[in-house]
N, C-alpha and C. Protein backbone atom coordinates (compact mmCIF):
# COMPACT_ATOMS: atom_id res chain seq x y z
N MET A 1 -17.72 -68.36 -26.37
CA MET A 1 -18.39 -67.31 -26.82
C MET A 1 -19.08 -67.51 -28.17
N LEU A 2 -18.27 -68.60 -29.02
CA LEU A 2 -18.95 -68.83 -29.91
C LEU A 2 -20.01 -69.58 -30.55
N ASP A 3 -20.30 -70.49 -29.03
CA ASP A 3 -21.64 -71.27 -28.71
C ASP A 3 -22.79 -70.22 -28.27
N ARG A 4 -22.36 -69.20 -27.55
CA ARG A 4 -23.35 -68.05 -26.70
C ARG A 4 -23.97 -67.60 -28.00
N ALA A 5 -22.82 -66.84 -29.20
CA ALA A 5 -23.44 -66.35 -30.49
C ALA A 5 -24.14 -67.04 -31.06
N ALA A 6 -23.64 -67.96 -31.38
CA ALA A 6 -24.58 -69.33 -31.99
C ALA A 6 -26.09 -69.86 -31.49
N GLY A 7 -25.90 -69.59 -30.53
CA GLY A 7 -27.41 -69.80 -29.77
C GLY A 7 -28.15 -68.42 -30.03
N ALA A 8 -27.93 -67.42 -29.95
CA ALA A 8 -28.73 -66.16 -30.13
C ALA A 8 -29.06 -65.87 -31.31
N TRP A 9 -28.02 -66.36 -32.41
CA TRP A 9 -28.31 -66.59 -33.87
C TRP A 9 -29.46 -67.64 -33.98
N THR A 10 -29.52 -68.53 -33.54
CA THR A 10 -30.52 -69.66 -33.50
C THR A 10 -31.90 -69.20 -32.98
N ARG A 11 -31.65 -68.57 -31.85
CA ARG A 11 -32.74 -67.88 -31.14
C ARG A 11 -33.45 -66.72 -31.67
N GLY A 12 -32.62 -66.46 -32.77
CA GLY A 12 -33.26 -64.72 -33.57
C GLY A 12 -33.15 -63.93 -32.36
N GLU A 13 -32.49 -63.73 -31.72
CA GLU A 13 -31.87 -62.64 -30.87
C GLU A 13 -30.83 -61.94 -31.08
N LEU A 14 -31.10 -60.70 -32.16
CA LEU A 14 -29.98 -60.11 -33.32
C LEU A 14 -29.21 -59.33 -31.73
N ASP A 15 -29.85 -58.55 -30.83
CA ASP A 15 -28.99 -57.89 -29.70
C ASP A 15 -28.19 -58.91 -29.20
N ALA A 16 -28.69 -59.98 -28.72
CA ALA A 16 -27.58 -60.89 -27.98
C ALA A 16 -26.73 -61.22 -29.14
N PHE A 17 -26.56 -61.60 -30.00
CA PHE A 17 -25.99 -61.87 -31.32
C PHE A 17 -24.66 -61.05 -31.23
N MET A 18 -25.40 -59.75 -30.94
CA MET A 18 -24.11 -58.43 -31.47
C MET A 18 -23.23 -58.23 -30.73
N SER A 19 -24.23 -58.40 -29.25
CA SER A 19 -23.19 -57.94 -27.70
C SER A 19 -21.52 -58.63 -27.91
N ASP A 20 -21.31 -59.47 -28.54
CA ASP A 20 -20.06 -59.93 -28.83
C ASP A 20 -19.23 -59.67 -29.82
N TYR A 21 -19.76 -58.18 -30.24
CA TYR A 21 -18.72 -57.07 -30.91
C TYR A 21 -18.38 -56.23 -29.74
N MET A 22 -17.08 -56.05 -30.03
CA MET A 22 -16.84 -54.83 -29.04
C MET A 22 -17.41 -53.50 -29.60
N PRO A 23 -17.69 -52.59 -28.60
CA PRO A 23 -18.18 -51.48 -28.97
C PRO A 23 -17.06 -50.69 -29.59
N GLY A 24 -17.66 -49.54 -30.69
CA GLY A 24 -16.78 -48.40 -30.98
C GLY A 24 -16.54 -48.91 -32.63
N GLU A 25 -15.79 -48.02 -33.02
CA GLU A 25 -15.73 -47.69 -34.75
C GLU A 25 -14.29 -48.36 -34.72
N ARG A 26 -13.39 -48.88 -34.25
CA ARG A 26 -12.67 -49.80 -34.63
C ARG A 26 -12.84 -51.32 -34.83
N THR A 27 -14.37 -51.98 -34.53
CA THR A 27 -14.64 -53.14 -35.05
C THR A 27 -15.01 -52.86 -36.21
N THR A 28 -14.47 -54.10 -36.80
CA THR A 28 -14.74 -54.35 -38.53
C THR A 28 -15.60 -55.30 -38.75
N TYR A 29 -15.61 -55.10 -39.97
CA TYR A 29 -16.68 -56.63 -40.60
C TYR A 29 -16.28 -56.39 -42.39
N VAL A 30 -15.45 -57.22 -42.53
CA VAL A 30 -15.19 -57.64 -44.08
C VAL A 30 -15.90 -58.20 -44.89
N THR A 31 -16.59 -57.44 -46.11
CA THR A 31 -17.44 -58.14 -46.94
C THR A 31 -17.11 -58.09 -48.17
N SER A 32 -17.53 -58.65 -49.16
CA SER A 32 -17.06 -58.53 -50.49
C SER A 32 -17.22 -57.27 -51.14
N LYS A 33 -18.09 -56.33 -50.59
CA LYS A 33 -18.04 -55.06 -50.83
C LYS A 33 -17.38 -54.44 -50.69
N GLY A 34 -16.33 -54.46 -49.09
CA GLY A 34 -15.76 -53.54 -48.85
C GLY A 34 -15.88 -53.53 -47.20
N LEU A 35 -15.21 -52.92 -46.51
CA LEU A 35 -15.21 -53.01 -45.07
C LEU A 35 -16.40 -52.27 -44.11
N ILE A 36 -16.76 -52.64 -43.30
CA ILE A 36 -18.29 -52.05 -42.15
C ILE A 36 -17.45 -51.84 -40.93
N HIS A 37 -17.26 -50.40 -40.52
CA HIS A 37 -17.02 -50.10 -39.33
C HIS A 37 -18.06 -49.81 -38.17
N GLY A 38 -18.27 -50.43 -37.20
CA GLY A 38 -18.97 -50.45 -35.81
C GLY A 38 -19.97 -50.99 -36.14
N PRO A 39 -20.15 -51.86 -35.01
CA PRO A 39 -21.47 -52.51 -34.23
C PRO A 39 -22.38 -52.33 -34.85
N ALA A 40 -23.25 -50.91 -34.92
CA ALA A 40 -24.31 -50.30 -35.68
C ALA A 40 -24.20 -50.50 -36.93
N ALA A 41 -23.23 -50.90 -37.99
CA ALA A 41 -22.99 -50.81 -39.16
C ALA A 41 -23.19 -52.37 -39.47
N ILE A 42 -22.70 -52.94 -38.61
CA ILE A 42 -22.81 -54.49 -38.60
C ILE A 42 -23.94 -55.00 -38.69
N ARG A 43 -24.51 -54.13 -37.39
CA ARG A 43 -25.90 -55.09 -37.21
C ARG A 43 -26.90 -54.76 -38.30
N GLU A 44 -26.66 -53.34 -38.74
CA GLU A 44 -27.85 -53.14 -39.81
C GLU A 44 -27.63 -53.87 -41.06
N ARG A 45 -26.07 -54.79 -41.09
CA ARG A 45 -26.22 -55.48 -42.29
C ARG A 45 -26.95 -56.95 -41.88
N TYR A 46 -27.00 -57.42 -40.64
CA TYR A 46 -27.62 -58.80 -39.86
C TYR A 46 -28.95 -58.58 -40.13
N ALA A 47 -29.63 -57.18 -39.86
CA ALA A 47 -30.96 -57.39 -39.25
C ALA A 47 -31.95 -57.76 -40.29
N PRO A 48 -32.02 -58.11 -41.34
CA PRO A 48 -32.93 -58.26 -42.43
C PRO A 48 -33.06 -59.91 -42.14
N ARG A 49 -31.87 -60.70 -41.77
CA ARG A 49 -31.98 -62.02 -41.24
C ARG A 49 -33.00 -62.27 -40.25
N PHE A 50 -33.16 -61.26 -39.23
CA PHE A 50 -33.85 -61.32 -37.95
C PHE A 50 -35.30 -60.63 -37.97
N ALA A 51 -35.75 -60.09 -38.91
CA ALA A 51 -36.70 -59.39 -39.37
C ALA A 51 -37.97 -60.37 -39.13
N PRO A 52 -38.84 -59.97 -38.63
CA PRO A 52 -40.27 -60.49 -38.95
C PRO A 52 -40.73 -61.21 -39.68
N GLY A 53 -40.84 -62.74 -40.04
CA GLY A 53 -41.42 -63.32 -41.37
C GLY A 53 -39.95 -63.64 -42.03
N ALA A 54 -38.78 -63.51 -41.56
CA ALA A 54 -37.87 -63.76 -42.45
C ALA A 54 -37.35 -65.16 -42.34
N ARG A 55 -36.58 -65.81 -43.33
CA ARG A 55 -36.31 -67.33 -42.68
C ARG A 55 -35.08 -66.92 -42.00
N HIS A 56 -35.36 -68.15 -41.37
CA HIS A 56 -34.16 -67.76 -39.94
C HIS A 56 -33.42 -69.47 -39.97
N ASP A 57 -32.05 -69.49 -39.86
CA ASP A 57 -31.41 -70.53 -39.96
C ASP A 57 -30.53 -70.89 -38.38
N SER A 58 -30.26 -72.24 -38.62
CA SER A 58 -29.48 -72.21 -37.21
C SER A 58 -27.96 -72.07 -37.53
N LEU A 59 -27.47 -71.72 -36.43
CA LEU A 59 -26.17 -71.50 -36.82
C LEU A 59 -25.00 -72.19 -36.03
N SER A 60 -24.13 -72.98 -36.08
CA SER A 60 -23.28 -73.57 -35.30
C SER A 60 -21.51 -73.37 -36.26
N PHE A 61 -20.67 -73.51 -35.50
CA PHE A 61 -19.54 -73.34 -35.96
C PHE A 61 -18.79 -74.93 -35.92
N GLU A 62 -17.90 -75.20 -37.00
CA GLU A 62 -16.72 -76.50 -36.95
C GLU A 62 -15.29 -76.04 -37.08
N ASN A 63 -14.70 -76.97 -36.65
CA ASN A 63 -13.02 -76.91 -36.96
C ASN A 63 -12.53 -75.73 -36.76
N LEU A 64 -12.57 -75.30 -35.48
CA LEU A 64 -12.05 -74.26 -34.40
C LEU A 64 -10.44 -74.13 -34.39
N GLU A 65 -10.27 -73.52 -34.85
CA GLU A 65 -8.50 -73.37 -34.95
C GLU A 65 -8.29 -71.63 -34.16
N VAL A 66 -7.74 -72.18 -32.69
CA VAL A 66 -7.48 -70.68 -32.01
C VAL A 66 -5.99 -70.57 -31.82
N ASP A 67 -6.03 -69.35 -32.14
CA ASP A 67 -4.26 -68.62 -32.13
C ASP A 67 -4.23 -67.79 -31.43
N PRO A 68 -3.42 -67.71 -30.01
CA PRO A 68 -3.24 -66.64 -29.39
C PRO A 68 -2.34 -66.07 -29.69
N LEU A 69 -2.32 -64.21 -30.03
CA LEU A 69 -1.53 -63.34 -30.74
C LEU A 69 -1.10 -62.63 -29.70
N ALA A 70 -1.48 -62.46 -28.79
CA ALA A 70 -1.06 -61.83 -27.31
C ALA A 70 -1.83 -61.64 -26.16
N PRO A 71 -1.30 -61.28 -25.08
CA PRO A 71 -1.89 -61.35 -23.89
C PRO A 71 -3.48 -60.75 -23.94
N GLY A 72 -4.63 -61.44 -24.12
CA GLY A 72 -6.22 -60.83 -24.53
C GLY A 72 -6.58 -60.59 -25.69
N VAL A 73 -5.61 -61.28 -26.69
CA VAL A 73 -5.76 -61.00 -27.96
C VAL A 73 -5.95 -62.50 -28.65
N VAL A 74 -6.87 -63.19 -29.60
CA VAL A 74 -6.75 -64.48 -30.08
C VAL A 74 -7.38 -64.11 -31.39
N HIS A 75 -7.09 -64.95 -32.73
CA HIS A 75 -7.29 -65.14 -34.01
C HIS A 75 -7.87 -66.45 -33.98
N VAL A 76 -9.17 -66.39 -34.35
CA VAL A 76 -10.10 -67.99 -34.07
C VAL A 76 -10.47 -68.06 -35.69
N VAL A 77 -9.92 -69.20 -36.39
CA VAL A 77 -10.34 -69.26 -37.93
C VAL A 77 -11.60 -70.32 -37.77
N ALA A 78 -12.60 -70.86 -38.25
CA ALA A 78 -13.53 -71.42 -38.02
C ALA A 78 -14.55 -71.62 -39.53
N TRP A 79 -15.30 -72.65 -39.30
CA TRP A 79 -16.30 -72.91 -40.44
C TRP A 79 -17.76 -72.41 -39.84
N TYR A 80 -18.48 -71.60 -40.42
CA TYR A 80 -19.60 -71.47 -39.75
C TYR A 80 -20.76 -72.07 -40.73
N VAL A 81 -21.91 -72.87 -40.09
CA VAL A 81 -22.66 -73.56 -40.90
C VAL A 81 -23.58 -72.87 -40.49
N LEU A 82 -24.66 -72.79 -41.92
CA LEU A 82 -25.99 -72.12 -41.32
C LEU A 82 -27.18 -73.70 -42.16
N SER A 83 -27.89 -73.89 -40.96
CA SER A 83 -28.92 -74.70 -41.17
C SER A 83 -30.03 -74.63 -41.12
N ARG A 84 -31.33 -75.37 -42.05
CA ARG A 84 -32.65 -75.15 -41.88
C ARG A 84 -33.09 -76.41 -41.98
N GLY A 85 -33.84 -76.77 -41.03
CA GLY A 85 -34.10 -78.57 -40.47
C GLY A 85 -32.66 -79.40 -40.57
N ASP A 86 -33.15 -80.67 -41.80
CA ASP A 86 -31.96 -81.16 -41.83
C ASP A 86 -30.73 -80.44 -42.76
N SER A 87 -31.36 -79.85 -43.67
CA SER A 87 -30.21 -79.68 -44.62
C SER A 87 -29.28 -78.06 -44.10
N VAL A 88 -27.98 -78.19 -44.81
CA VAL A 88 -27.19 -77.11 -44.48
C VAL A 88 -27.48 -75.95 -46.07
N VAL A 89 -27.46 -74.86 -45.58
CA VAL A 89 -28.21 -73.99 -46.56
C VAL A 89 -27.10 -72.64 -46.74
N ALA A 90 -25.84 -72.88 -45.93
CA ALA A 90 -24.79 -71.90 -46.07
C ALA A 90 -23.62 -72.60 -45.42
N ARG A 91 -22.58 -72.67 -46.02
CA ARG A 91 -21.22 -72.74 -44.95
C ARG A 91 -20.16 -72.25 -45.51
N GLY A 92 -18.88 -71.59 -44.87
CA GLY A 92 -17.97 -70.91 -44.91
C GLY A 92 -16.90 -70.50 -44.11
N PRO A 93 -15.63 -70.09 -44.49
CA PRO A 93 -14.75 -69.77 -43.43
C PRO A 93 -14.97 -68.36 -42.91
N THR A 94 -14.72 -68.37 -41.40
CA THR A 94 -14.62 -66.98 -40.75
C THR A 94 -13.61 -66.75 -40.19
N SER A 95 -13.02 -65.74 -39.97
CA SER A 95 -11.77 -65.33 -39.38
C SER A 95 -12.42 -64.10 -38.49
N LEU A 96 -11.90 -64.20 -37.17
CA LEU A 96 -12.25 -63.40 -36.23
C LEU A 96 -10.97 -62.98 -35.53
N VAL A 97 -10.73 -61.65 -35.14
CA VAL A 97 -9.84 -61.38 -33.96
C VAL A 97 -10.37 -61.01 -32.96
N MET A 98 -10.49 -61.46 -31.74
CA MET A 98 -11.34 -60.81 -30.53
C MET A 98 -10.12 -60.63 -29.42
N VAL A 99 -10.64 -59.47 -28.65
CA VAL A 99 -9.99 -59.07 -27.23
C VAL A 99 -10.66 -59.11 -26.25
N ARG A 100 -10.21 -59.46 -25.28
CA ARG A 100 -10.69 -59.07 -23.87
C ARG A 100 -11.21 -57.82 -23.51
N ASP A 101 -12.30 -57.52 -23.21
CA ASP A 101 -12.69 -56.29 -22.62
C ASP A 101 -12.30 -56.07 -20.90
N GLU A 102 -12.63 -55.13 -20.62
CA GLU A 102 -12.26 -54.74 -19.08
C GLU A 102 -12.96 -55.69 -18.38
N ASN A 103 -14.09 -56.28 -18.49
CA ASN A 103 -14.66 -57.67 -17.62
C ASN A 103 -14.00 -58.72 -17.69
N GLY A 104 -12.98 -59.20 -18.95
CA GLY A 104 -12.42 -60.39 -19.11
C GLY A 104 -13.21 -61.12 -19.90
N ARG A 105 -14.07 -60.40 -20.90
CA ARG A 105 -15.01 -61.03 -21.75
C ARG A 105 -14.42 -60.89 -23.21
N LEU A 106 -14.15 -62.20 -24.01
CA LEU A 106 -13.80 -61.91 -25.46
C LEU A 106 -14.75 -61.27 -26.25
N ARG A 107 -14.43 -60.29 -27.09
CA ARG A 107 -15.52 -59.64 -28.29
C ARG A 107 -14.47 -59.43 -29.22
N ILE A 108 -15.62 -59.54 -30.42
CA ILE A 108 -15.03 -59.55 -31.67
C ILE A 108 -14.40 -57.97 -32.17
N VAL A 109 -13.16 -57.60 -32.40
CA VAL A 109 -12.96 -56.44 -33.28
C VAL A 109 -12.85 -56.29 -34.51
N HIS A 110 -12.37 -57.73 -35.10
CA HIS A 110 -12.45 -58.02 -36.64
C HIS A 110 -13.02 -59.07 -37.06
N ASP A 111 -14.01 -59.32 -38.03
CA ASP A 111 -14.61 -60.25 -38.59
C ASP A 111 -14.67 -60.34 -40.16
N HIS A 112 -14.31 -61.49 -40.59
CA HIS A 112 -14.06 -61.77 -41.74
C HIS A 112 -14.57 -62.92 -42.14
N SER A 113 -16.02 -63.17 -42.64
CA SER A 113 -16.93 -64.28 -43.19
C SER A 113 -17.26 -64.51 -44.13
N SER A 114 -16.79 -65.42 -44.94
CA SER A 114 -17.21 -65.64 -46.34
C SER A 114 -18.57 -66.80 -46.68
């Protein structure tokens, strides 16, 4: 799932990137300014990075740790890396809680990326 998300980000496909978030208001994203509820609000936060003419970076993930919490529920901790050419422009921790949807696909329900 993270490889798919990183590929969508890198290609500038915001809708594909957002498809890995579980639909509904129970899905949350933690920011330094507070909690965002629902994929629509999360999408709004990311949209400027995908706007025409915006600087667009490549996304990858490092040092993945996966902790199964319950059947169909996992906690993933990793480092996200945003690169522009050969330069790293941002790097930080991400903590994701994912659940399997009715089709068996892992989707993000809680995202805390610093």
